[in-house]
Amino acid sequence: MLNNIDSYKATGIFIIIERIYNRDVPNWHGIGSELVQIYKVVYQLYRKQDLFLDGERITPANASLWDHLKIFAGSELEQQNSKDNETRFALDYAGSEFRTTPLVYPGLNIKSVSTFLTSDHPIPTQRILAFGQDPIPDIKLYGRSDAQFVMANGGKDDPMAAARYDSNSGQLKLLDPIHQLSAVMRDITS
């Protein structure tokens, strides 16, 4: 069973998906506060690697006990891109951020109230509800004026946005999560 474990190396190409969930908080006729959960999922593209020990290609199936001892003792394993150029996406991070606006009052003259009460603030709970560590914490879709959150199923699903980010070039390309996302992921891996 352990003989089919492949080695992969991160490429720095990410797919980001964010969903917004409105969390109910007490209010009276629309006067109250607002709480939203931004659920962020980050997939990274990984490229299959061939491993070499002392100039010879090794796999879990052909590594001898002596090879395992040399690796355990600190011998360098050399990685090279596999000849079959296989790539796969893997989940690097899934976590939530909560943001609140303490006072929401329709028609309120914002200049007459402190901006602290009427602006959006993060609630420090990111590590509580997270899988992995966000490899690109500064890249967010929520709050960007050019990011479009769309609702599938005729507006019945929660708002969602997606993007492709290349950390090598710094390029962020926003995607339509309903019509483009799966095709872009398929194109990148083929």
Protein backbone atom coordinates (compact mmCIF):
# COMPACT_ATOMS: atom_id res chain seq x y z
CA MET A 1 0.00 0.00 0.00
CA LEU A 2 2.85 2.41 0.75
CA ASN A 3 4.51 1.57 -2.55
CA ASN A 4 2.33 3.95 -4.56
CA ILE A 5 3.12 7.20 -2.70
CA ASP A 6 4.25 9.89 -5.11
CA SER A 7 6.20 13.03 -4.27
CA TYR A 8 4.89 16.44 -5.31
CA LYS A 9 6.37 19.94 -5.20
CA ALA A 10 4.40 23.19 -4.81
CA THR A 11 4.27 25.42 -7.89
CA GLY A 12 3.01 28.68 -6.35
CA ILE A 13 -0.17 28.64 -8.45
CA PHE A 14 -3.31 28.90 -6.32
CA ILE A 15 -7.06 28.72 -6.76
CA ILE A 16 -8.93 30.81 -4.20
CA ILE A 17 -12.63 30.38 -3.47
CA GLU A 18 -14.46 32.56 -0.98
CA ARG A 19 -18.07 32.24 0.19
CA ILE A 20 -19.98 34.72 2.30
CA TYR A 21 -22.42 33.53 4.95
CA ASN A 22 -24.66 36.00 6.72
CA ARG A 23 -24.85 35.18 10.41
CA ASP A 24 -27.98 36.28 12.22
CA VAL A 25 -27.46 38.75 15.02
CA PRO A 26 -30.12 40.50 17.07
CA ASN A 27 -31.75 43.53 15.49
CA TRP A 28 -34.96 45.43 15.84
CA HIS A 29 -36.69 46.47 12.59
CA GLY A 30 -33.35 46.56 10.76
CA ILE A 31 -31.54 48.44 13.53
CA GLY A 32 -28.74 46.40 15.07
CA SER A 33 -25.45 44.92 14.05
CA GLU A 34 -24.24 42.77 11.18
CA LEU A 35 -22.06 39.66 11.25
CA VAL A 36 -20.69 37.85 8.20
CA GLN A 37 -18.50 34.79 7.86
CA ILE A 38 -16.05 34.73 4.95
CA TYR A 39 -15.09 31.12 4.26
CA LYS A 40 -11.85 30.93 2.25
CA VAL A 41 -10.55 27.81 0.53
CA VAL A 42 -7.09 27.74 -1.09
CA TYR A 43 -5.96 24.99 -3.45
CA GLN A 44 -2.37 24.88 -4.68
CA LEU A 45 -1.09 23.23 -7.83
CA TYR A 46 1.58 20.60 -7.19
CA ARG A 47 3.91 19.02 -9.77
CA LYS A 48 4.92 15.36 -9.49
CA GLN A 49 8.59 14.85 -8.64
CA ASP A 50 11.04 12.03 -9.23
CA LEU A 51 13.36 11.43 -6.28
CA PHE A 52 17.03 10.59 -6.63
CA LEU A 53 19.43 9.26 -4.00
CA ASP A 54 23.12 9.10 -4.91
CA GLY A 55 22.21 9.75 -8.56
CA GLU A 56 19.74 6.86 -8.83
CA ARG A 57 15.96 7.26 -9.03
CA ILE A 58 14.18 5.78 -6.04
CA THR A 59 10.55 5.11 -5.25
CA PRO A 60 8.94 3.69 -2.10
CA ALA A 61 8.68 0.38 -3.99
CA ASN A 62 12.39 0.07 -4.85
CA ALA A 63 14.04 1.76 -1.85
CA SER A 64 16.10 -0.70 0.15
CA LEU A 65 16.54 -0.76 3.90
CA TRP A 66 20.00 0.79 3.34
CA ASP A 67 18.39 3.63 1.30
CA HIS A 68 15.92 4.27 4.13
CA LEU A 69 18.76 4.39 6.67
CA LYS A 70 20.75 6.84 4.50
CA ILE A 71 17.69 9.09 4.12
CA PHE A 72 17.01 8.90 7.86
CA ALA A 73 20.66 9.80 8.55
CA GLY A 74 20.34 12.95 6.44
CA SER A 75 21.44 12.02 2.92
CA GLU A 76 20.22 14.52 0.36
CA LEU A 77 17.27 13.53 -1.76
CA GLU A 78 17.34 15.30 -5.10
CA GLN A 79 13.99 16.24 -6.67
CA GLN A 80 13.35 16.70 -10.37
CA ASN A 81 10.13 17.31 -12.25
CA SER A 82 8.68 13.99 -13.32
CA LYS A 83 8.92 13.16 -17.02
CA ASP A 84 5.15 12.61 -17.21
CA ASN A 85 4.60 16.27 -16.14
CA GLU A 86 1.70 15.25 -13.90
CA THR A 87 0.12 17.99 -11.79
CA ARG A 88 -2.59 17.98 -9.15
CA PHE A 89 -4.41 20.43 -6.95
CA ALA A 90 -4.34 19.90 -3.20
CA LEU A 91 -6.19 21.69 -0.44
CA ASP A 92 -3.71 23.91 1.42
CA TYR A 93 -6.14 25.90 3.54
CA ALA A 94 -9.79 26.13 4.49
CA GLY A 95 -10.81 28.62 7.12
CA SER A 96 -13.19 31.32 8.17
CA GLU A 97 -12.92 34.95 9.04
CA PHE A 98 -15.73 36.73 10.82
CA ARG A 99 -16.40 40.43 10.31
CA THR A 100 -18.87 42.63 12.13
CA THR A 101 -20.38 46.08 11.79
CA PRO A 102 -21.49 47.11 15.29
CA LEU A 103 -24.29 49.46 14.18
CA VAL A 104 -26.43 49.06 11.10
CA TYR A 105 -29.28 51.53 10.78
CA PRO A 106 -30.93 52.07 7.38
CA GLY A 107 -30.89 55.74 6.40
CA LEU A 108 -28.52 56.72 9.20
CA ASN A 109 -26.42 59.83 8.56
CA ILE A 110 -23.00 58.24 8.97
CA LYS A 111 -21.31 61.57 9.71
CA SER A 112 -23.29 61.92 12.95
CA VAL A 113 -22.04 58.57 14.34
CA SER A 114 -18.52 57.36 15.08
CA THR A 115 -16.98 55.52 12.13
CA PHE A 116 -15.99 52.74 14.52
CA LEU A 117 -19.66 51.88 15.00
CA THR A 118 -20.56 51.97 11.31
CA SER A 119 -17.52 50.32 9.72
CA ASP A 120 -16.55 46.71 9.18
CA HIS A 121 -14.19 45.06 11.75
CA PRO A 122 -12.57 41.60 11.87
CA ILE A 123 -13.25 39.34 14.84
CA PRO A 124 -10.08 37.45 15.82
CA THR A 125 -11.23 33.83 15.32
CA GLN A 126 -9.30 32.84 12.18
CA ARG A 127 -7.22 30.02 13.68
CA ILE A 128 -10.15 28.44 15.53
CA LEU A 129 -12.02 27.41 12.40
CA ALA A 130 -9.19 26.54 10.03
CA PHE A 131 -7.57 23.60 8.27
CA GLY A 132 -3.93 24.23 7.45
CA GLN A 133 -2.27 27.61 7.31
CA ASP A 134 -3.20 30.16 4.68
CA PRO A 135 -0.22 30.26 2.27
CA ILE A 136 -1.40 33.61 0.85
CA PRO A 137 -3.05 35.45 3.78
CA ASP A 138 -2.75 38.86 2.11
CA ILE A 139 -4.72 37.79 -0.97
CA LYS A 140 -8.41 38.22 -0.22
CA LEU A 141 -11.39 38.54 -2.51
CA TYR A 142 -13.86 39.90 0.06
CA GLY A 143 -13.61 43.68 0.14
CA ARG A 144 -12.13 44.04 -3.37
CA SER A 145 -14.16 46.33 -5.58
CA ASP A 146 -13.37 44.25 -8.68
CA ALA A 147 -14.36 40.87 -7.14
CA GLN A 148 -17.86 39.75 -8.01
CA PHE A 149 -19.63 37.42 -5.62
CA VAL A 150 -22.28 35.47 -7.50
CA MET A 151 -25.13 33.30 -6.25
CA ALA A 152 -25.87 30.08 -8.12
CA ASN A 153 -29.20 28.27 -8.39
CA GLY A 154 -31.20 31.37 -9.16
CA GLY A 155 -29.89 33.26 -6.14
CA LYS A 156 -30.55 30.45 -3.66
CA ASP A 157 -26.89 29.62 -2.94
CA ASP A 158 -24.57 31.73 -0.82
CA PRO A 159 -22.46 34.38 -2.59
CA MET A 160 -19.19 33.00 -3.95
CA ALA A 161 -16.13 34.44 -5.72
CA ALA A 162 -13.06 32.73 -7.16
CA ALA A 163 -9.63 33.66 -8.49
CA ARG A 164 -6.40 32.20 -9.81
CA TYR A 165 -3.26 33.59 -8.19
CA ASP A 166 0.31 33.05 -9.38
CA SER A 167 2.68 33.90 -6.52
CA ASN A 168 5.68 33.77 -8.88
CA SER A 169 4.41 36.68 -11.00
CA GLY A 170 2.01 38.25 -8.47
CA GLN A 171 -0.83 38.03 -11.02
CA LEU A 172 -4.38 37.65 -9.70
CA LYS A 173 -7.07 36.72 -12.21
CA LEU A 174 -10.65 36.86 -10.99
CA LEU A 175 -12.87 34.02 -12.22
CA ASP A 176 -16.58 33.42 -12.51
CA PRO A 177 -16.98 30.56 -10.00
CA ILE A 178 -20.00 29.13 -11.81
CA HIS A 179 -18.86 29.21 -15.44
CA GLN A 180 -15.03 29.44 -15.41
CA LEU A 181 -13.64 27.84 -12.26
CA SER A 182 -13.80 24.14 -13.12
CA ALA A 183 -12.62 24.74 -16.71
CA VAL A 184 -9.59 26.77 -15.51
CA MET A 185 -8.64 24.07 -13.00
CA ARG A 186 -8.99 21.40 -15.67
CA ASP A 187 -6.88 23.40 -18.17
CA ILE A 188 -4.10 24.01 -15.64
CA THR A 189 -3.77 20.31 -14.74
CA SER A 190 -3.90 18.94 -18.30
